[in-house]
Amino acid sequence: MSETSVFTLTRGESPVLIALPHNGTLLAPGMEARMSATGLARPDTDWHMERIYDFAPDLGMGVIAARYSRYVIDLNRGPDDATLYPGRPKTGLVPEFSFDGEDLYRPGEIPGEDEIAHRLETYWKPYHAALEAELERLRNIWGWALLWDGHSIRSLVPRLFEGQLPDLNLGTNDGASCDVHLTNALSTLLAGQSRLTTIVNGRFKGGYTTRHYGQPSRNIHAIQMEMAQSTYMAQEQPPWTIDESRLGETQTVLLTLMRYVTTWRPFPG
């Protein structure tokens, strides 16, 4: 395992790399004193992601996991902070508000342009440099690589979307980031189980990571999996405790998908 101050990277033996950009909870130096109570609580963390994907080594999959909070900088947003979902509230490269619209910083403490640039250099660029290098390593070995971008979110966030999210939300940027045969196969597997509700390319089509790295023409495929936290937590609020029974059922479905992607191969040509 390779470990830096910004991320950990465990290299795998299969063509599949799991990325966990929002599971970190560390704050940058000096941030704690500047943040509101909401910011310090970090409610928008993708809680327990490394536990959810703890089967990765058994399947030969690599894992890159962020150590710092998305409130430091959002690793699933582009460096230009472009809007991913027009018409929806923007969560931002360096967020100022929580998903519920609450201030993350005390008055007068919002980061300025110089600080944002520093965070890009210190946290964002090293993570993405490592992610890109690992995908290229896998592609050079296997002839193809697949990035599985793992996320979770509360099933109810009224400010960001209407109603309750499905349990599993698979995104391939409307098919642009992943081979259509793989997308169809995963859709069929999801439709064939009854444990969890699912959707493909619904509210979550994939963030910057999926859209940027998913290049099927180069045999690099990318998929985002956004899970409702109700699928593995006792309650979607502090203390964000895992429900072992729910987690077990959810992992059963995930394992079916992940075992498939390790054996899948792109069609030649």
Protein backbone atom coordinates (compact mmCIF):
# COMPACT_ATOMS: atom_id res chain seq x y z
CA MET A 1 0.00 0.00 0.00
CA SER A 2 1.19 3.49 -0.87
CA GLU A 3 0.22 6.11 1.70
CA THR A 4 0.65 9.86 1.46
CA SER A 5 -0.73 12.69 3.57
CA VAL A 6 -3.45 13.15 0.92
CA PHE A 7 -4.56 9.61 0.01
CA THR A 8 -3.87 5.92 0.34
CA LEU A 9 -3.40 3.69 -2.70
CA THR A 10 -3.53 -0.08 -2.63
CA ARG A 11 -2.63 -1.53 -6.02
CA GLY A 12 -4.61 -4.51 -7.22
CA GLU A 13 -4.05 -7.39 -9.59
CA SER A 14 -7.19 -6.90 -11.69
CA PRO A 15 -7.98 -4.15 -14.23
CA VAL A 16 -10.44 -2.55 -11.77
CA LEU A 17 -9.59 0.43 -9.55
CA ILE A 18 -12.04 1.63 -6.88
CA ALA A 19 -11.84 5.34 -6.06
CA LEU A 20 -13.24 6.75 -2.81
CA PRO A 21 -12.87 10.54 -3.05
CA HIS A 22 -15.30 11.59 -0.30
CA ASN A 23 -14.65 9.25 2.60
CA GLY A 24 -11.89 11.39 4.16
CA THR A 25 -12.49 13.47 7.29
CA LEU A 26 -9.22 15.34 7.86
CA LEU A 27 -9.20 19.13 7.70
CA ALA A 28 -6.45 21.37 6.36
CA PRO A 29 -4.27 23.20 8.92
CA GLY A 30 -6.15 26.11 10.44
CA MET A 31 -9.57 25.10 9.09
CA GLU A 32 -11.04 23.85 12.34
CA ALA A 33 -10.90 27.26 14.02
CA ARG A 34 -12.65 28.88 11.04
CA MET A 35 -15.51 26.46 10.55
CA SER A 36 -19.07 26.50 11.80
CA ALA A 37 -20.53 23.71 13.91
CA THR A 38 -21.96 22.21 10.73
CA GLY A 39 -18.59 22.33 8.99
CA LEU A 40 -16.88 20.65 11.92
CA ALA A 41 -19.48 17.86 11.93
CA ARG A 42 -18.76 17.09 8.22
CA PRO A 43 -22.30 15.77 7.58
CA ASP A 44 -21.76 15.31 3.82
CA THR A 45 -18.99 12.76 4.23
CA ASP A 46 -19.37 9.45 2.36
CA TRP A 47 -19.27 7.51 5.61
CA HIS A 48 -17.69 4.05 5.97
CA MET A 49 -16.78 3.63 2.31
CA GLU A 50 -13.61 1.65 2.96
CA ARG A 51 -15.63 -0.76 5.09
CA ILE A 52 -18.27 -1.14 2.37
CA TYR A 53 -15.61 -2.07 -0.19
CA ASP A 54 -13.49 -4.15 2.17
CA PHE A 55 -13.89 -7.10 -0.21
CA ALA A 56 -11.75 -5.35 -2.84
CA PRO A 57 -8.46 -7.15 -2.02
CA ASP A 58 -10.14 -10.55 -2.30
CA LEU A 59 -11.23 -9.64 -5.83
CA GLY A 60 -7.81 -8.27 -6.74
CA MET A 61 -9.10 -4.71 -7.02
CA GLY A 62 -7.03 -1.68 -6.18
CA VAL A 63 -8.39 1.14 -4.01
CA ILE A 64 -7.45 4.82 -3.89
CA ALA A 65 -9.02 6.58 -0.91
CA ALA A 66 -8.88 10.26 0.03
CA ARG A 67 -7.88 11.17 3.57
CA TYR A 68 -9.11 14.78 3.62
CA SER A 69 -12.70 15.95 3.82
CA ARG A 70 -14.56 17.10 0.72
CA TYR A 71 -14.88 20.40 2.62
CA VAL A 72 -11.14 20.95 2.10
CA ILE A 73 -11.58 20.39 -1.63
CA ASP A 74 -13.98 18.22 -3.58
CA LEU A 75 -11.97 15.67 -5.53
CA ASN A 76 -14.99 14.85 -7.68
CA ARG A 77 -15.21 18.36 -9.11
CA GLY A 78 -13.10 19.75 -11.93
CA PRO A 79 -10.34 22.28 -11.25
CA ASP A 80 -12.37 24.87 -13.16
CA ASP A 81 -15.33 24.26 -10.80
CA ALA A 82 -17.68 23.80 -13.75
CA THR A 83 -21.33 23.04 -13.02
CA LEU A 84 -22.09 19.33 -13.31
CA TYR A 85 -25.86 19.44 -12.92
CA PRO A 86 -27.37 22.62 -14.42
CA GLY A 87 -30.43 23.88 -12.61
CA ARG A 88 -29.41 22.31 -9.30
CA PRO A 89 -27.70 24.00 -6.34
CA LYS A 90 -23.96 23.83 -6.87
CA THR A 91 -21.92 22.09 -4.16
CA GLY A 92 -18.65 23.52 -5.44
CA LEU A 93 -14.96 22.66 -5.68
CA VAL A 94 -14.35 24.25 -2.28
CA PRO A 95 -17.81 24.19 -0.70
CA GLU A 96 -19.16 27.10 1.31
CA PHE A 97 -22.46 25.41 2.21
CA SER A 98 -23.55 21.95 3.29
CA PHE A 99 -25.97 19.91 1.19
CA ASP A 100 -28.73 21.40 3.35
CA GLY A 101 -27.55 24.95 2.59
CA GLU A 102 -25.96 25.63 5.98
CA ASP A 103 -22.79 27.72 6.25
CA LEU A 104 -19.61 25.67 6.62
CA TYR A 105 -17.48 28.61 7.76
CA ARG A 106 -17.78 31.30 10.37
CA PRO A 107 -18.53 34.81 9.04
CA GLY A 108 -15.57 36.25 7.14
CA GLU A 109 -13.69 32.94 7.01
CA ILE A 110 -14.65 31.67 3.54
CA PRO A 111 -11.51 30.72 1.53
CA GLY A 112 -10.34 33.22 -1.08
CA GLU A 113 -8.80 32.58 -4.50
CA ASP A 114 -5.23 32.15 -3.21
CA GLU A 115 -6.29 29.60 -0.62
CA ILE A 116 -8.36 27.68 -3.16
CA ALA A 117 -5.36 27.61 -5.52
CA HIS A 118 -3.21 26.29 -2.66
CA ARG A 119 -5.71 23.53 -1.92
CA LEU A 120 -5.76 22.55 -5.58
CA GLU A 121 -1.98 22.15 -5.59
CA THR A 122 -1.77 20.46 -2.20
CA TYR A 123 -4.71 18.04 -2.21
CA TRP A 124 -6.47 17.86 -5.59
CA LYS A 125 -3.56 17.51 -7.98
CA PRO A 126 -1.66 14.76 -6.10
CA TYR A 127 -4.81 12.63 -5.83
CA HIS A 128 -5.66 12.95 -9.50
CA ALA A 129 -2.07 12.46 -10.61
CA ALA A 130 -2.00 9.17 -8.71
CA LEU A 131 -5.43 8.15 -10.02
CA GLU A 132 -4.46 8.82 -13.63
CA ALA A 133 -1.13 7.04 -13.27
CA GLU A 134 -2.76 3.94 -11.77
CA LEU A 135 -5.35 3.74 -14.53
CA GLU A 136 -2.61 3.97 -17.12
CA ARG A 137 -0.63 1.26 -15.33
CA LEU A 138 -3.63 -1.06 -15.40
CA ARG A 139 -4.38 -0.29 -19.03
CA ASN A 140 -0.78 -1.03 -19.99
CA ILE A 141 -0.95 -4.40 -18.24
CA TRP A 142 -4.41 -5.54 -19.29
CA GLY A 143 -5.15 -3.53 -22.39
CA TRP A 144 -8.05 -1.88 -20.57
CA ALA A 145 -8.94 -0.46 -17.16
CA LEU A 146 -12.12 0.26 -15.26
CA LEU A 147 -12.59 2.97 -12.65
CA TRP A 148 -15.36 2.39 -10.11
CA ASP A 149 -16.05 5.67 -8.33
CA GLY A 150 -17.66 4.84 -4.99
CA HIS A 151 -19.94 7.30 -3.20
CA SER A 152 -22.76 7.47 -0.68
CA ILE A 153 -25.30 10.12 0.30
CA ARG A 154 -28.35 10.53 2.48
CA SER A 155 -31.42 9.17 0.77
CA LEU A 156 -33.29 12.42 1.44
CA VAL A 157 -31.63 15.77 0.64
CA PRO A 158 -34.51 18.08 -0.37
CA ARG A 159 -32.25 20.98 -1.38
CA LEU A 160 -30.46 18.86 -3.99
CA PHE A 161 -33.15 16.53 -5.32
CA GLU A 162 -36.83 15.77 -5.02
CA GLY A 163 -38.11 12.75 -3.12
CA GLN A 164 -36.16 9.74 -1.94
CA LEU A 165 -33.21 8.41 -3.89
CA PRO A 166 -33.12 4.81 -5.09
CA ASP A 167 -30.79 2.64 -3.03
CA LEU A 168 -28.17 2.21 -5.77
CA ASN A 169 -27.60 4.89 -8.39
CA LEU A 170 -25.31 3.80 -11.23
CA GLY A 171 -23.94 6.54 -13.47
CA THR A 172 -22.03 6.39 -16.76
CA ASN A 173 -22.54 9.97 -17.99
CA ASP A 174 -25.51 8.77 -20.05
CA GLY A 175 -23.38 6.02 -21.55
CA ALA A 176 -20.42 8.17 -22.58
CA SER A 177 -17.97 7.00 -19.90
CA CYS A 178 -18.36 3.24 -20.22
CA ASP A 179 -18.77 0.53 -22.85
CA VAL A 180 -22.48 0.11 -23.58
CA HIS A 181 -22.26 -3.67 -23.24
CA LEU A 182 -20.94 -3.34 -19.68
CA THR A 183 -23.57 -0.76 -18.77
CA ASN A 184 -26.31 -3.04 -20.11
CA ALA A 185 -24.93 -6.06 -18.26
CA LEU A 186 -24.79 -4.22 -14.95
CA SER A 187 -28.30 -2.87 -15.53
CA THR A 188 -29.53 -6.42 -16.05
CA LEU A 189 -27.82 -7.62 -12.87
CA LEU A 190 -29.39 -4.79 -10.87
CA ALA A 191 -32.83 -5.50 -12.33
CA GLY A 192 -32.48 -9.16 -11.46
CA GLN A 193 -32.24 -8.64 -7.70
CA SER A 194 -34.98 -7.55 -5.32
CA ARG A 195 -33.03 -6.49 -2.23
CA LEU A 196 -32.44 -2.88 -3.29
CA THR A 197 -34.06 -0.28 -5.52
CA THR A 198 -31.85 0.83 -8.41
CA ILE A 199 -31.55 3.23 -11.31
CA VAL A 200 -29.03 3.80 -14.10
CA ASN A 201 -28.16 7.36 -15.18
CA GLY A 202 -30.90 8.90 -13.08
CA ARG A 203 -30.18 11.78 -10.71
CA PHE A 204 -26.49 10.80 -10.53
CA LYS A 205 -24.84 10.40 -13.92
CA GLY A 206 -21.28 10.65 -12.63
CA GLY A 207 -19.19 13.56 -11.41
CA TYR A 208 -15.91 14.94 -12.71
CA THR A 209 -14.06 11.67 -12.10
CA THR A 210 -16.43 9.55 -14.18
CA ARG A 211 -16.78 12.12 -16.94
CA HIS A 212 -13.07 12.94 -17.18
CA TYR A 213 -11.49 9.50 -16.94
CA GLY A 214 -14.16 7.47 -18.69
CA GLN A 215 -12.78 7.19 -22.24
CA PRO A 216 -14.05 3.95 -23.79
CA SER A 217 -12.26 4.75 -27.06
CA ARG A 218 -8.99 4.43 -25.10
CA ASN A 219 -10.25 1.36 -23.22
CA ILE A 220 -10.56 3.22 -19.94
CA HIS A 221 -14.09 2.86 -18.60
CA ALA A 222 -15.58 4.71 -15.63
CA ILE A 223 -18.68 4.12 -13.53
CA GLN A 224 -20.04 6.01 -10.53
CA MET A 225 -21.95 4.16 -7.85
CA GLU A 226 -23.89 6.46 -5.54
CA MET A 227 -25.42 4.53 -2.65
CA ALA A 228 -28.14 5.76 -0.35
CA GLN A 229 -26.71 5.65 3.16
CA SER A 230 -29.91 4.01 4.37
CA THR A 231 -28.63 0.85 2.67
CA TYR A 232 -25.94 0.34 5.29
CA MET A 233 -26.47 2.75 8.21
CA ALA A 234 -28.75 2.56 11.21
CA GLN A 235 -29.68 6.21 10.67
CA GLU A 236 -28.51 8.87 8.24
CA GLN A 237 -27.42 11.28 10.97
CA PRO A 238 -24.91 11.36 13.81
CA PRO A 239 -23.31 9.14 14.94
CA TRP A 240 -23.62 7.58 11.45
CA THR A 241 -23.48 4.05 12.78
CA ILE A 242 -23.29 1.03 10.48
CA ASP A 243 -26.21 -1.40 10.52
CA GLU A 244 -24.48 -4.74 10.03
CA SER A 245 -27.57 -6.46 8.66
CA ARG A 246 -28.24 -3.78 6.05
CA LEU A 247 -24.56 -3.64 5.14
CA GLY A 248 -24.49 -7.38 4.58
CA GLU A 249 -27.44 -7.26 2.19
CA THR A 250 -25.97 -4.32 0.31
CA GLN A 251 -22.57 -5.94 0.01
CA THR A 252 -24.22 -9.05 -1.43
CA VAL A 253 -25.55 -6.98 -4.32
CA LEU A 254 -22.31 -5.04 -4.73
CA LEU A 255 -20.30 -8.24 -4.83
CA THR A 256 -22.41 -9.53 -7.70
CA LEU A 257 -21.62 -6.38 -9.67
CA MET A 258 -17.95 -6.28 -8.75
CA ARG A 259 -17.33 -9.93 -9.52
CA TYR A 260 -18.85 -9.33 -12.94
CA VAL A 261 -16.64 -6.33 -13.78
CA THR A 262 -13.48 -8.27 -12.88
CA THR A 263 -14.33 -10.95 -15.44
CA TRP A 264 -15.75 -8.63 -18.13
CA ARG A 265 -13.63 -7.88 -21.17
CA PRO A 266 -14.16 -5.21 -23.83
CA PHE A 267 -15.21 -6.39 -27.25
CA PRO A 268 -12.29 -6.15 -29.66
CA GLY A 269 -12.30 -3.46 -32.28
